[in-house]
Amino acid sequence: MKIKVSIIEDNIMFREGLMRFIGFHDEFEIGAQFGAVAPFLQKSNIINDIPASILLLDIGLPGISGIDAIPAILNKYPELNIVMLTSYEEEDIILKALCSGACSYLSKSVSMKEIVSALR
């Protein structure tokens, strides 16, 4: 069974490149891709199915921040594994994301190979 990965990331070049790279690996299936939290939540209200096994979530997003969105996302999809993927590396931000319900935290400064390894 493939691991379905979705992403909320506002940098379209980074988002598309990363998802393309993840898609090259047989054990992954590419899910939904959004540039902000609001469209993700709107679509989840229309289509009531699980968007993925893993959601890669940026923190610095237009509108609702990734950290602020975690409770709403987990309320709708409690079984979803949220992995923060962001350029923020401050300890207090990482702790806030994990305390809000994210299961992991990855820096955008790591290689795509390292991101895929962490998803496994």
N, C-alpha and C. Protein backbone atom coordinates (compact mmCIF):
# COMPACT_ATOMS: atom_id res chain seq x y z
N MET A 1 0.84 -1.18 0.00
CA MET A 1 0.00 0.00 0.00
C MET A 1 0.89 1.25 0.00
N LYS A 2 0.58 2.19 -0.86
CA LYS A 2 1.39 3.40 -0.97
C LYS A 2 1.03 4.41 0.12
N ILE A 3 2.01 5.21 0.48
CA ILE A 3 1.82 6.29 1.45
C ILE A 3 1.43 7.53 0.66
N LYS A 4 0.23 8.04 0.94
CA LYS A 4 -0.25 9.22 0.23
C LYS A 4 0.22 10.48 0.95
N VAL A 5 0.87 11.36 0.20
CA VAL A 5 1.44 12.59 0.75
C VAL A 5 0.78 13.80 0.09
N SER A 6 0.26 14.71 0.93
CA SER A 6 -0.27 15.99 0.46
C SER A 6 0.60 17.10 1.02
N ILE A 7 0.43 18.31 0.48
CA ILE A 7 1.28 19.42 0.91
C ILE A 7 0.50 20.73 0.90
N ILE A 8 0.80 21.57 1.89
CA ILE A 8 0.35 22.96 1.90
C ILE A 8 1.62 23.81 1.99
N GLU A 9 1.95 24.44 0.88
CA GLU A 9 3.21 25.21 0.75
C GLU A 9 2.95 26.33 -0.25
N ASP A 10 3.27 27.56 0.12
CA ASP A 10 2.97 28.69 -0.76
C ASP A 10 4.01 28.93 -1.85
N ASN A 11 5.20 28.39 -1.72
CA ASN A 11 6.22 28.54 -2.75
C ASN A 11 5.98 27.47 -3.81
N ILE A 12 5.36 27.87 -4.91
CA ILE A 12 4.93 26.91 -5.93
C ILE A 12 6.09 26.12 -6.53
N MET A 13 7.24 26.77 -6.74
CA MET A 13 8.39 26.06 -7.32
C MET A 13 8.89 24.98 -6.36
N PHE A 14 9.00 25.32 -5.08
CA PHE A 14 9.44 24.35 -4.09
C PHE A 14 8.41 23.22 -3.97
N ARG A 15 7.13 23.60 -3.89
CA ARG A 15 6.05 22.61 -3.74
C ARG A 15 6.04 21.62 -4.89
N GLU A 16 6.05 22.13 -6.11
CA GLU A 16 5.98 21.23 -7.27
C GLU A 16 7.23 20.38 -7.41
N GLY A 17 8.39 20.98 -7.16
CA GLY A 17 9.64 20.21 -7.25
C GLY A 17 9.70 19.10 -6.23
N LEU A 18 9.32 19.41 -5.00
CA LEU A 18 9.34 18.40 -3.94
C LEU A 18 8.35 17.28 -4.23
N MET A 19 7.14 17.63 -4.62
CA MET A 19 6.14 16.60 -4.88
C MET A 19 6.52 15.74 -6.08
N ARG A 20 7.14 16.34 -7.06
CA ARG A 20 7.62 15.57 -8.21
C ARG A 20 8.69 14.57 -7.75
N PHE A 21 9.61 15.04 -6.91
CA PHE A 21 10.67 14.17 -6.40
C PHE A 21 10.09 13.04 -5.57
N ILE A 22 9.15 13.35 -4.70
CA ILE A 22 8.50 12.31 -3.88
C ILE A 22 7.81 11.30 -4.78
N GLY A 23 7.17 11.78 -5.83
CA GLY A 23 6.45 10.90 -6.76
C GLY A 23 7.34 9.93 -7.51
N PHE A 24 8.64 10.20 -7.59
CA PHE A 24 9.56 9.28 -8.24
C PHE A 24 9.78 8.00 -7.43
N HIS A 25 9.36 8.01 -6.19
CA HIS A 25 9.56 6.86 -5.30
C HIS A 25 8.28 6.04 -5.25
N ASP A 26 8.42 4.74 -5.55
CA ASP A 26 7.27 3.86 -5.72
C ASP A 26 6.38 3.74 -4.49
N GLU A 27 6.92 3.93 -3.31
CA GLU A 27 6.12 3.73 -2.11
C GLU A 27 5.20 4.91 -1.78
N PHE A 28 5.32 6.00 -2.56
CA PHE A 28 4.51 7.19 -2.30
C PHE A 28 3.50 7.45 -3.40
N GLU A 29 2.37 7.99 -3.00
CA GLU A 29 1.34 8.48 -3.91
C GLU A 29 1.17 9.97 -3.64
N ILE A 30 1.08 10.76 -4.67
CA ILE A 30 0.94 12.21 -4.51
C ILE A 30 -0.53 12.55 -4.29
N GLY A 31 -0.78 13.30 -3.23
CA GLY A 31 -2.13 13.73 -2.91
C GLY A 31 -2.35 15.17 -3.34
N ALA A 32 -3.16 15.86 -2.58
CA ALA A 32 -3.53 17.25 -2.89
C ALA A 32 -2.38 18.21 -2.62
N GLN A 33 -2.38 19.30 -3.37
CA GLN A 33 -1.36 20.35 -3.22
C GLN A 33 -2.07 21.69 -3.12
N PHE A 34 -1.74 22.44 -2.08
CA PHE A 34 -2.37 23.74 -1.86
C PHE A 34 -1.31 24.78 -1.53
N GLY A 35 -1.61 26.04 -1.82
CA GLY A 35 -0.71 27.14 -1.51
C GLY A 35 -1.05 27.85 -0.22
N ALA A 36 -2.16 27.46 0.41
CA ALA A 36 -2.59 28.07 1.67
C ALA A 36 -3.53 27.10 2.39
N VAL A 37 -3.77 27.37 3.65
CA VAL A 37 -4.61 26.49 4.47
C VAL A 37 -6.09 26.62 4.10
N ALA A 38 -6.56 27.85 3.85
CA ALA A 38 -7.99 28.07 3.59
C ALA A 38 -8.53 27.18 2.46
N PRO A 39 -7.87 27.10 1.30
CA PRO A 39 -8.39 26.21 0.24
C PRO A 39 -8.41 24.74 0.66
N PHE A 40 -7.42 24.32 1.44
CA PHE A 40 -7.40 22.95 1.96
C PHE A 40 -8.62 22.69 2.82
N LEU A 41 -8.90 23.59 3.75
CA LEU A 41 -10.05 23.42 4.65
C LEU A 41 -11.37 23.52 3.89
N GLN A 42 -11.44 24.41 2.90
CA GLN A 42 -12.66 24.53 2.10
C GLN A 42 -12.92 23.25 1.32
N LYS A 43 -11.90 22.69 0.72
CA LYS A 43 -12.07 21.45 -0.03
C LYS A 43 -12.45 20.31 0.90
N SER A 44 -11.87 20.28 2.10
CA SER A 44 -12.19 19.20 3.03
C SER A 44 -13.63 19.28 3.51
N ASN A 45 -14.24 20.46 3.48
CA ASN A 45 -15.65 20.59 3.83
C ASN A 45 -16.56 20.08 2.72
N ILE A 46 -16.08 20.11 1.49
CA ILE A 46 -16.85 19.65 0.34
C ILE A 46 -16.67 18.15 0.14
N ILE A 47 -15.43 17.71 0.20
CA ILE A 47 -15.10 16.29 -0.02
C ILE A 47 -14.67 15.71 1.31
N ASN A 48 -15.47 14.85 1.86
CA ASN A 48 -15.20 14.31 3.19
C ASN A 48 -14.43 13.00 3.10
N ASP A 49 -13.21 13.06 2.60
CA ASP A 49 -12.35 11.89 2.64
C ASP A 49 -10.97 12.29 3.14
N ILE A 50 -10.19 11.31 3.51
CA ILE A 50 -8.87 11.58 4.06
C ILE A 50 -7.95 12.02 2.92
N PRO A 51 -7.35 13.22 3.05
CA PRO A 51 -6.54 13.75 1.96
C PRO A 51 -5.20 13.04 1.78
N ALA A 52 -4.73 12.36 2.81
CA ALA A 52 -3.41 11.73 2.74
C ALA A 52 -3.13 11.01 4.05
N SER A 53 -2.02 10.28 4.06
CA SER A 53 -1.48 9.71 5.30
C SER A 53 -0.60 10.74 5.98
N ILE A 54 0.11 11.52 5.15
CA ILE A 54 1.03 12.54 5.64
C ILE A 54 0.70 13.87 4.97
N LEU A 55 0.67 14.92 5.77
CA LEU A 55 0.51 16.27 5.25
C LEU A 55 1.77 17.05 5.56
N LEU A 56 2.47 17.49 4.52
CA LEU A 56 3.61 18.40 4.70
C LEU A 56 3.03 19.79 4.81
N LEU A 57 3.34 20.48 5.88
CA LEU A 57 2.71 21.77 6.18
C LEU A 57 3.77 22.82 6.48
N ASP A 58 3.73 23.90 5.71
CA ASP A 58 4.62 25.03 5.94
C ASP A 58 4.05 25.85 7.10
N ILE A 59 4.88 26.64 7.74
CA ILE A 59 4.42 27.52 8.82
C ILE A 59 4.04 28.88 8.26
N GLY A 60 4.94 29.51 7.52
CA GLY A 60 4.71 30.86 7.00
C GLY A 60 3.86 30.84 5.75
N LEU A 61 2.55 30.83 5.93
CA LEU A 61 1.62 30.77 4.82
C LEU A 61 0.75 32.02 4.77
N PRO A 62 0.23 32.37 3.60
CA PRO A 62 -0.71 33.49 3.54
C PRO A 62 -1.99 33.14 4.29
N GLY A 63 -2.56 34.11 4.98
CA GLY A 63 -3.78 33.84 5.74
C GLY A 63 -3.45 33.17 7.06
N ILE A 64 -3.95 31.98 7.23
CA ILE A 64 -3.74 31.20 8.46
C ILE A 64 -2.35 30.56 8.43
N SER A 65 -1.60 30.73 9.51
CA SER A 65 -0.28 30.09 9.57
C SER A 65 -0.44 28.58 9.73
N GLY A 66 0.60 27.86 9.36
CA GLY A 66 0.56 26.41 9.52
C GLY A 66 0.34 25.99 10.95
N ILE A 67 0.99 26.65 11.90
CA ILE A 67 0.83 26.30 13.31
C ILE A 67 -0.61 26.53 13.77
N ASP A 68 -1.18 27.67 13.38
CA ASP A 68 -2.55 27.98 13.79
C ASP A 68 -3.56 27.02 13.16
N ALA A 69 -3.21 26.45 12.02
CA ALA A 69 -4.13 25.55 11.31
C ALA A 69 -4.11 24.12 11.84
N ILE A 70 -3.08 23.74 12.55
CA ILE A 70 -2.95 22.35 13.00
C ILE A 70 -4.20 21.86 13.74
N PRO A 71 -4.72 22.57 14.75
CA PRO A 71 -5.90 22.06 15.46
C PRO A 71 -7.11 21.85 14.54
N ALA A 72 -7.37 22.76 13.62
CA ALA A 72 -8.51 22.62 12.71
C ALA A 72 -8.32 21.42 11.78
N ILE A 73 -7.10 21.23 11.30
CA ILE A 73 -6.82 20.10 10.41
C ILE A 73 -6.99 18.78 11.16
N LEU A 74 -6.42 18.70 12.36
CA LEU A 74 -6.52 17.46 13.13
C LEU A 74 -7.93 17.21 13.64
N ASN A 75 -8.71 18.26 13.83
CA ASN A 75 -10.11 18.09 14.22
C ASN A 75 -10.88 17.39 13.11
N LYS A 76 -10.58 17.76 11.88
CA LYS A 76 -11.23 17.15 10.71
C LYS A 76 -10.64 15.78 10.38
N TYR A 77 -9.31 15.65 10.52
CA TYR A 77 -8.60 14.41 10.16
C TYR A 77 -7.67 14.00 11.30
N PRO A 78 -8.20 13.44 12.39
CA PRO A 78 -7.35 13.13 13.54
C PRO A 78 -6.26 12.09 13.26
N GLU A 79 -6.44 11.28 12.24
CA GLU A 79 -5.45 10.25 11.92
C GLU A 79 -4.33 10.75 11.00
N LEU A 80 -4.43 11.99 10.55
CA LEU A 80 -3.44 12.56 9.63
C LEU A 80 -2.14 12.86 10.36
N ASN A 81 -1.03 12.47 9.77
CA ASN A 81 0.30 12.79 10.31
C ASN A 81 0.77 14.09 9.69
N ILE A 82 0.90 15.12 10.50
CA ILE A 82 1.33 16.42 10.01
C ILE A 82 2.82 16.58 10.26
N VAL A 83 3.55 16.81 9.19
CA VAL A 83 4.98 17.05 9.25
C VAL A 83 5.22 18.50 8.85
N MET A 84 5.73 19.28 9.77
CA MET A 84 6.04 20.67 9.47
C MET A 84 7.29 20.70 8.59
N LEU A 85 7.20 21.39 7.47
CA LEU A 85 8.32 21.53 6.55
C LEU A 85 8.49 23.02 6.31
N THR A 86 9.49 23.61 6.93
CA THR A 86 9.57 25.06 6.94
C THR A 86 11.00 25.56 7.09
N SER A 87 11.17 26.82 6.82
CA SER A 87 12.48 27.44 6.99
C SER A 87 12.68 27.95 8.41
N TYR A 88 11.61 28.00 9.20
CA TYR A 88 11.73 28.42 10.60
C TYR A 88 12.46 27.33 11.39
N GLU A 89 13.49 27.72 12.12
CA GLU A 89 14.26 26.73 12.88
C GLU A 89 14.40 27.12 14.34
N GLU A 90 13.63 28.13 14.77
CA GLU A 90 13.70 28.56 16.16
C GLU A 90 13.05 27.52 17.06
N GLU A 91 13.69 27.24 18.17
CA GLU A 91 13.24 26.21 19.09
C GLU A 91 11.80 26.41 19.56
N ASP A 92 11.44 27.67 19.88
CA ASP A 92 10.10 27.92 20.39
C ASP A 92 9.03 27.66 19.33
N ILE A 93 9.34 27.92 18.07
CA ILE A 93 8.38 27.66 16.99
C ILE A 93 8.23 26.16 16.77
N ILE A 94 9.35 25.44 16.80
CA ILE A 94 9.30 23.98 16.66
C ILE A 94 8.47 23.37 17.79
N LEU A 95 8.72 23.81 19.01
CA LEU A 95 7.99 23.30 20.16
C LEU A 95 6.50 23.61 20.04
N LYS A 96 6.15 24.81 19.61
CA LYS A 96 4.75 25.18 19.44
C LYS A 96 4.07 24.29 18.40
N ALA A 97 4.75 24.02 17.30
CA ALA A 97 4.19 23.15 16.25
C ALA A 97 3.96 21.74 16.78
N LEU A 98 4.93 21.21 17.49
CA LEU A 98 4.80 19.85 18.04
C LEU A 98 3.73 19.79 19.11
N CYS A 99 3.66 20.81 19.96
CA CYS A 99 2.63 20.85 21.01
C CYS A 99 1.23 21.04 20.42
N SER A 100 1.15 21.63 19.25
CA SER A 100 -0.15 21.83 18.59
C SER A 100 -0.64 20.56 17.90
N GLY A 101 0.24 19.56 17.75
CA GLY A 101 -0.19 18.29 17.18
C GLY A 101 0.60 17.79 16.00
N ALA A 102 1.58 18.55 15.53
CA ALA A 102 2.43 18.04 14.45
C ALA A 102 3.22 16.85 14.98
N CYS A 103 3.45 15.86 14.12
CA CYS A 103 4.18 14.66 14.58
C CYS A 103 5.67 14.77 14.32
N SER A 104 6.06 15.71 13.45
CA SER A 104 7.47 15.85 13.12
C SER A 104 7.73 17.23 12.55
N TYR A 105 9.02 17.53 12.41
CA TYR A 105 9.43 18.86 11.95
C TYR A 105 10.67 18.69 11.08
N LEU A 106 10.61 19.23 9.86
CA LEU A 106 11.75 19.17 8.95
C LEU A 106 12.10 20.57 8.46
N SER A 107 13.37 20.83 8.36
CA SER A 107 13.85 22.10 7.84
C SER A 107 13.91 22.02 6.31
N LYS A 108 13.53 23.10 5.65
CA LYS A 108 13.64 23.15 4.19
C LYS A 108 15.10 23.16 3.74
N SER A 109 16.01 23.33 4.66
CA SER A 109 17.42 23.36 4.29
C SER A 109 17.99 21.95 4.07
N VAL A 110 17.25 20.91 4.45
CA VAL A 110 17.73 19.56 4.22
C VAL A 110 17.49 19.18 2.75
N SER A 111 18.17 18.17 2.27
CA SER A 111 18.01 17.75 0.88
C SER A 111 16.67 17.04 0.68
N MET A 112 16.25 16.96 -0.56
CA MET A 112 15.01 16.25 -0.86
C MET A 112 15.12 14.77 -0.51
N LYS A 113 16.31 14.21 -0.67
CA LYS A 113 16.53 12.81 -0.27
C LYS A 113 16.27 12.63 1.22
N GLU A 114 16.70 13.61 2.03
CA GLU A 114 16.49 13.54 3.47
C GLU A 114 15.01 13.68 3.81
N ILE A 115 14.30 14.50 3.06
CA ILE A 115 12.86 14.64 3.29
C ILE A 115 12.16 13.32 3.01
N VAL A 116 12.48 12.69 1.90
CA VAL A 116 11.88 11.40 1.55
C VAL A 116 12.23 10.34 2.60
N SER A 117 13.46 10.34 3.05
CA SER A 117 13.88 9.40 4.10
C SER A 117 13.07 9.61 5.37
N ALA A 118 12.83 10.86 5.74
CA ALA A 118 12.05 11.15 6.93
C ALA A 118 10.60 10.72 6.77
N LEU A 119 10.05 10.84 5.56
CA LEU A 119 8.68 10.42 5.32
C LEU A 119 8.52 8.91 5.44
N ARG A 120 9.56 8.19 5.11
CA ARG A 120 9.52 6.73 5.22
C ARG A 120 9.43 6.34 6.68
